[in-house]
Amino acid sequence: MRKEQTSHKNEHNTLMCFPLEPVFIRDGEGVPNFIDEATTGLDPVVRDEMLDLFLEFIQDEECSIFFSSHITSDIQKIADYVILIHQGKIIFEEQKDDLVYHFGIVKCGREKFASISPDDYIIHRITNVSVECLVRDKEAIKRKYKDIVVDNATLEDIMLFYIKGGAA
């Protein structure tokens, strides 16, 4: 950071305290820009404006941003690829569209769960009222198990399944 800049953690109005121009300066070698928690602590309007600026920047196929965030809605809005890192290890690296359009969550009773092949889900967890399974291809599961509910999985759902595992 230049000395006239301050951390967004010290100020609430990031547009005033964190000029974006230095974020988009490249070294000429094609190295991607790295941004860590760029929208944390921002109000929704300013956060949306920041994400729009990032989207505008990456429209040029020559430009990219390595964007680190715990705000899954931000990731879902601007990412092409999602890498989940937990305790220093890469858990998965997937195209965002595959995650949000193909992954699903099966919710059923224990009896119906017993009929589901372990090959058809990634991980499951048992709750007080049902069994939930993360599946990679929700449409294939709907075709194979016609009497089982398959909900859409959000990016946050997917991450929680991978991190928390079978814990409910």
C-alpha atoms as a PDB file:
ATOM      1  CA  MET A   1       0.000   0.000   0.000  1.00  0.00           C
ATOM      2  CA  ARG A   2       1.105   3.519  -0.648  1.00  0.00           C
ATOM      3  CA  LYS A   3       1.292   5.755   2.394  1.00  0.00           C
ATOM      4  CA  GLU A   4      -1.773   7.785   1.367  1.00  0.00           C
ATOM      5  CA  GLN A   5      -3.840   4.599   1.373  1.00  0.00           C
ATOM      6  CA  THR A   6      -5.321   3.082   4.490  1.00  0.00           C
ATOM      7  CA  SER A   7      -6.630  -0.359   5.142  1.00  0.00           C
ATOM      8  CA  HIS A   8     -10.315  -0.945   4.497  1.00  0.00           C
ATOM      9  CA  LYS A   9     -10.434  -2.439   8.006  1.00  0.00           C
ATOM     10  CA  ASN A  10      -9.754   1.035   9.447  1.00  0.00           C
ATOM     11  CA  GLU A  11     -12.336   2.855   7.343  1.00  0.00           C
ATOM     12  CA  HIS A  12     -15.895   2.069   6.336  1.00  0.00           C
ATOM     13  CA  ASN A  13     -15.994   3.882   3.024  1.00  0.00           C
ATOM     14  CA  THR A  14     -13.564   1.936   0.899  1.00  0.00           C
ATOM     15  CA  LEU A  15     -14.079   4.138  -2.140  1.00  0.00           C
ATOM     16  CA  MET A  16     -12.569   7.026  -0.184  1.00  0.00           C
ATOM     17  CA  CYS A  17      -9.721   5.161   1.523  1.00  0.00           C
ATOM     18  CA  PHE A  18      -8.644   2.490  -0.968  1.00  0.00           C
ATOM     19  CA  PRO A  19      -8.019   3.833  -4.456  1.00  0.00           C
ATOM     20  CA  LEU A  20      -8.488   1.015  -6.954  1.00  0.00           C
ATOM     21  CA  GLU A  21      -5.956   2.148  -9.522  1.00  0.00           C
ATOM     22  CA  PRO A  22      -2.984   0.409  -7.803  1.00  0.00           C
ATOM     23  CA  VAL A  23      -4.954  -2.833  -7.645  1.00  0.00           C
ATOM     24  CA  PHE A  24      -5.072  -2.978 -11.441  1.00  0.00           C
ATOM     25  CA  ILE A  25      -1.446  -2.138 -12.171  1.00  0.00           C
ATOM     26  CA  ARG A  26       0.254  -5.087 -13.840  1.00  0.00           C
ATOM     27  CA  ASP A  27       3.916  -5.913 -14.033  1.00  0.00           C
ATOM     28  CA  GLY A  28       3.817  -6.539 -17.780  1.00  0.00           C
ATOM     29  CA  GLU A  29       4.544 -10.245 -17.371  1.00  0.00           C
ATOM     30  CA  GLY A  30       0.914 -11.368 -17.318  1.00  0.00           C
ATOM     31  CA  VAL A  31       0.905 -12.029 -13.574  1.00  0.00           C
ATOM     32  CA  PRO A  32      -2.627 -12.005 -12.164  1.00  0.00           C
ATOM     33  CA  ASN A  33      -3.720  -9.448  -9.616  1.00  0.00           C
ATOM     34  CA  PHE A  34      -4.140 -10.788  -6.090  1.00  0.00           C
ATOM     35  CA  ILE A  35      -6.879  -9.348  -3.905  1.00  0.00           C
ATOM     36  CA  ASP A  36      -7.481 -10.626  -0.382  1.00  0.00           C
ATOM     37  CA  GLU A  37     -10.879 -10.023   1.244  1.00  0.00           C
ATOM     38  CA  ALA A  38     -11.455  -6.943  -0.928  1.00  0.00           C
ATOM     39  CA  THR A  39     -15.100  -6.495   0.035  1.00  0.00           C
ATOM     40  CA  THR A  40     -15.042  -7.470   3.704  1.00  0.00           C
ATOM     41  CA  GLY A  41     -16.711  -4.880   5.892  1.00  0.00           C
ATOM     42  CA  LEU A  42     -18.288  -2.957   3.035  1.00  0.00           C
ATOM     43  CA  ASP A  43     -21.943  -2.066   2.898  1.00  0.00           C
ATOM     44  CA  PRO A  44     -23.863  -3.975   0.182  1.00  0.00           C
ATOM     45  CA  VAL A  45     -24.045  -1.058  -2.269  1.00  0.00           C
ATOM     46  CA  VAL A  46     -20.314  -0.303  -2.196  1.00  0.00           C
ATOM     47  CA  ARG A  47     -19.499  -4.035  -2.257  1.00  0.00           C
ATOM     48  CA  ASP A  48     -21.622  -4.431  -5.391  1.00  0.00           C
ATOM     49  CA  GLU A  49     -19.892  -1.454  -7.021  1.00  0.00           C
ATOM     50  CA  MET A  50     -16.471  -2.970  -6.237  1.00  0.00           C
ATOM     51  CA  LEU A  51     -17.503  -6.300  -7.741  1.00  0.00           C
ATOM     52  CA  ASP A  52     -18.753  -4.511 -10.854  1.00  0.00           C
ATOM     53  CA  LEU A  53     -15.331  -2.851 -11.200  1.00  0.00           C
ATOM     54  CA  PHE A  54     -13.635  -6.243 -10.878  1.00  0.00           C
ATOM     55  CA  LEU A  55     -15.971  -7.718 -13.491  1.00  0.00           C
ATOM     56  CA  GLU A  56     -15.261  -4.852 -15.868  1.00  0.00           C
ATOM     57  CA  PHE A  57     -11.526  -5.367 -15.403  1.00  0.00           C
ATOM     58  CA  ILE A  58     -11.593  -9.102 -16.137  1.00  0.00           C
ATOM     59  CA  GLN A  59     -13.706  -8.732 -19.278  1.00  0.00           C
ATOM     60  CA  ASP A  60     -10.402  -8.353 -21.086  1.00  0.00           C
ATOM     61  CA  GLU A  61      -9.296 -11.984 -21.425  1.00  0.00           C
ATOM     62  CA  GLU A  62      -5.716 -10.838 -20.812  1.00  0.00           C
ATOM     63  CA  CYS A  63      -6.583  -9.754 -17.268  1.00  0.00           C
ATOM     64  CA  SER A  64      -7.343 -11.869 -14.252  1.00  0.00           C
ATOM     65  CA  ILE A  65      -7.815 -11.507 -10.527  1.00  0.00           C
ATOM     66  CA  PHE A  66      -6.979 -14.067  -7.878  1.00  0.00           C
ATOM     67  CA  PHE A  67      -9.770 -13.137  -5.490  1.00  0.00           C
ATOM     68  CA  SER A  68      -9.705 -14.467  -1.931  1.00  0.00           C
ATOM     69  CA  SER A  69     -12.932 -14.105   0.025  1.00  0.00           C
ATOM     70  CA  HIS A  70     -15.135 -15.748   2.623  1.00  0.00           C
ATOM     71  CA  ILE A  71     -18.203 -14.029   1.148  1.00  0.00           C
ATOM     72  CA  THR A  72     -19.562 -16.765  -1.096  1.00  0.00           C
ATOM     73  CA  SER A  73     -22.042 -14.456  -2.859  1.00  0.00           C
ATOM     74  CA  ASP A  74     -19.067 -12.358  -4.044  1.00  0.00           C
ATOM     75  CA  ILE A  75     -17.304 -15.464  -5.310  1.00  0.00           C
ATOM     76  CA  GLN A  76     -20.463 -16.636  -7.030  1.00  0.00           C
ATOM     77  CA  LYS A  77     -20.873 -13.271  -8.763  1.00  0.00           C
ATOM     78  CA  ILE A  78     -17.398 -12.851 -10.260  1.00  0.00           C
ATOM     79  CA  ALA A  79     -15.476 -16.131 -10.226  1.00  0.00           C
ATOM     80  CA  ASP A  80     -14.919 -18.425 -13.168  1.00  0.00           C
ATOM     81  CA  TYR A  81     -13.114 -20.991 -11.016  1.00  0.00           C
ATOM     82  CA  VAL A  82     -13.383 -21.744  -7.315  1.00  0.00           C
ATOM     83  CA  ILE A  83     -10.557 -23.197  -5.284  1.00  0.00           C
ATOM     84  CA  LEU A  84     -11.445 -24.249  -1.747  1.00  0.00           C
ATOM     85  CA  ILE A  85      -8.434 -24.212   0.549  1.00  0.00           C
ATOM     86  CA  HIS A  86      -8.800 -25.512   4.099  1.00  0.00           C
ATOM     87  CA  GLN A  87      -5.957 -25.727   6.598  1.00  0.00           C
ATOM     88  CA  GLY A  88      -3.433 -25.087   3.845  1.00  0.00           C
ATOM     89  CA  LYS A  89      -4.673 -27.894   1.578  1.00  0.00           C
ATOM     90  CA  ILE A  90      -6.604 -27.599  -1.670  1.00  0.00           C
ATOM     91  CA  ILE A  91      -9.903 -29.404  -1.114  1.00  0.00           C
ATOM     92  CA  PHE A  92     -11.227 -28.840  -4.632  1.00  0.00           C
ATOM     93  CA  GLU A  93     -10.701 -26.756  -7.742  1.00  0.00           C
ATOM     94  CA  GLU A  94     -13.809 -26.548  -9.903  1.00  0.00           C
ATOM     95  CA  GLN A  95     -15.426 -24.317 -12.469  1.00  0.00           C
ATOM     96  CA  LYS A  96     -17.942 -22.182 -10.629  1.00  0.00           C
ATOM     97  CA  ASP A  97     -20.710 -22.952 -13.101  1.00  0.00           C
ATOM     98  CA  ASP A  98     -20.255 -26.691 -12.555  1.00  0.00           C
ATOM     99  CA  LEU A  99     -20.589 -26.170  -8.819  1.00  0.00           C
ATOM    100  CA  VAL A 100     -23.683 -23.990  -8.861  1.00  0.00           C
ATOM    101  CA  TYR A 101     -25.531 -25.634 -11.763  1.00  0.00           C
ATOM    102  CA  HIS A 102     -24.719 -29.322 -11.339  1.00  0.00           C
ATOM    103  CA  PHE A 103     -24.134 -30.014  -7.645  1.00  0.00           C
ATOM    104  CA  GLY A 104     -27.156 -30.710  -5.473  1.00  0.00           C
ATOM    105  CA  ILE A 105     -28.250 -31.849  -2.045  1.00  0.00           C
ATOM    106  CA  VAL A 106     -30.349 -34.958  -1.566  1.00  0.00           C
ATOM    107  CA  LYS A 107     -32.616 -34.858   1.471  1.00  0.00           C
ATOM    108  CA  CYS A 108     -34.342 -38.028   2.530  1.00  0.00           C
ATOM    109  CA  GLY A 109     -35.161 -40.293   5.451  1.00  0.00           C
ATOM    110  CA  ARG A 110     -32.787 -42.990   6.657  1.00  0.00           C
ATOM    111  CA  GLU A 111     -34.774 -45.704   4.901  1.00  0.00           C
ATOM    112  CA  LYS A 112     -34.470 -44.060   1.494  1.00  0.00           C
ATOM    113  CA  PHE A 113     -30.842 -43.191   2.175  1.00  0.00           C
ATOM    114  CA  ALA A 114     -30.094 -46.894   2.541  1.00  0.00           C
ATOM    115  CA  SER A 115     -31.165 -47.351  -1.103  1.00  0.00           C
ATOM    116  CA  ILE A 116     -28.691 -44.753  -2.424  1.00  0.00           C
ATOM    117  CA  SER A 117     -25.406 -46.135  -3.691  1.00  0.00           C
ATOM    118  CA  PRO A 118     -22.320 -44.580  -2.042  1.00  0.00           C
ATOM    119  CA  ASP A 119     -20.998 -44.051  -5.594  1.00  0.00           C
ATOM    120  CA  ASP A 120     -23.849 -41.588  -6.219  1.00  0.00           C
ATOM    121  CA  TYR A 121     -22.881 -39.019  -3.581  1.00  0.00           C
ATOM    122  CA  ILE A 122     -19.735 -37.257  -2.440  1.00  0.00           C
ATOM    123  CA  ILE A 123     -20.436 -37.076   1.277  1.00  0.00           C
ATOM    124  CA  HIS A 124     -23.431 -37.396   3.558  1.00  0.00           C
ATOM    125  CA  ARG A 125     -24.471 -36.146   6.955  1.00  0.00           C
ATOM    126  CA  ILE A 126     -27.170 -37.308   9.293  1.00  0.00           C
ATOM    127  CA  THR A 127     -29.375 -34.719  10.977  1.00  0.00           C
ATOM    128  CA  ASN A 128     -32.107 -35.191  13.580  1.00  0.00           C
ATOM    129  CA  VAL A 129     -34.791 -35.366  10.882  1.00  0.00           C
ATOM    130  CA  SER A 130     -33.110 -36.528   7.672  1.00  0.00           C
ATOM    131  CA  VAL A 131     -30.006 -37.582   5.815  1.00  0.00           C
ATOM    132  CA  GLU A 132     -28.417 -35.073   3.441  1.00  0.00           C
ATOM    133  CA  CYS A 133     -25.999 -35.989   0.657  1.00  0.00           C
ATOM    134  CA  LEU A 134     -23.921 -33.759  -1.577  1.00  0.00           C
ATOM    135  CA  VAL A 135     -24.133 -34.982  -5.170  1.00  0.00           C
ATOM    136  CA  ARG A 136     -22.064 -33.945  -8.187  1.00  0.00           C
ATOM    137  CA  ASP A 137     -24.833 -34.359 -10.810  1.00  0.00           C
ATOM    138  CA  LYS A 138     -28.260 -33.496  -9.437  1.00  0.00           C
ATOM    139  CA  GLU A 139     -30.080 -34.222 -12.713  1.00  0.00           C
ATOM    140  CA  ALA A 140     -28.655 -37.750 -12.939  1.00  0.00           C
ATOM    141  CA  ILE A 141     -29.682 -38.391  -9.336  1.00  0.00           C
ATOM    142  CA  LYS A 142     -33.213 -37.113 -10.039  1.00  0.00           C
ATOM    143  CA  ARG A 143     -33.489 -39.541 -12.946  1.00  0.00           C
ATOM    144  CA  LYS A 144     -32.101 -42.497 -11.016  1.00  0.00           C
ATOM    145  CA  TYR A 145     -33.979 -41.928  -7.736  1.00  0.00           C
ATOM    146  CA  LYS A 146     -37.358 -40.549  -8.723  1.00  0.00           C
ATOM    147  CA  ASP A 147     -38.819 -40.524  -5.206  1.00  0.00           C
ATOM    148  CA  ILE A 148     -35.979 -38.553  -3.576  1.00  0.00           C
ATOM    149  CA  VAL A 149     -35.860 -34.762  -3.241  1.00  0.00           C
ATOM    150  CA  VAL A 150     -32.779 -33.082  -4.739  1.00  0.00           C
ATOM    151  CA  ASP A 151     -32.319 -29.400  -3.934  1.00  0.00           C
ATOM    152  CA  ASN A 152     -29.952 -26.955  -5.573  1.00  0.00           C
ATOM    153  CA  ALA A 153     -26.691 -26.546  -3.677  1.00  0.00           C
ATOM    154  CA  THR A 154     -25.294 -23.100  -3.033  1.00  0.00           C
ATOM    155  CA  LEU A 155     -21.581 -22.464  -3.082  1.00  0.00           C
ATOM    156  CA  GLU A 156     -21.745 -22.134   0.694  1.00  0.00           C
ATOM    157  CA  ASP A 157     -23.567 -25.478   1.028  1.00  0.00           C
ATOM    158  CA  ILE A 158     -20.891 -27.197  -1.041  1.00  0.00           C
ATOM    159  CA  MET A 159     -18.067 -25.678   0.976  1.00  0.00           C
ATOM    160  CA  LEU A 160     -19.697 -26.642   4.271  1.00  0.00           C
ATOM    161  CA  PHE A 161     -20.148 -30.236   3.145  1.00  0.00           C
ATOM    162  CA  TYR A 162     -16.477 -30.477   2.170  1.00  0.00           C
ATOM    163  CA  ILE A 163     -15.154 -28.748   5.308  1.00  0.00           C
ATOM    164  CA  LYS A 164     -17.476 -30.145   7.936  1.00  0.00           C
ATOM    165  CA  GLY A 165     -17.675 -33.530   6.279  1.00  0.00           C
ATOM    166  CA  GLY A 166     -20.302 -35.806   7.694  1.00  0.00           C
ATOM    167  CA  ALA A 167     -20.813 -33.611  10.767  1.00  0.00           C
ATOM    168  CA  ALA A 168     -24.280 -32.153  11.053  1.00  0.00           C
END
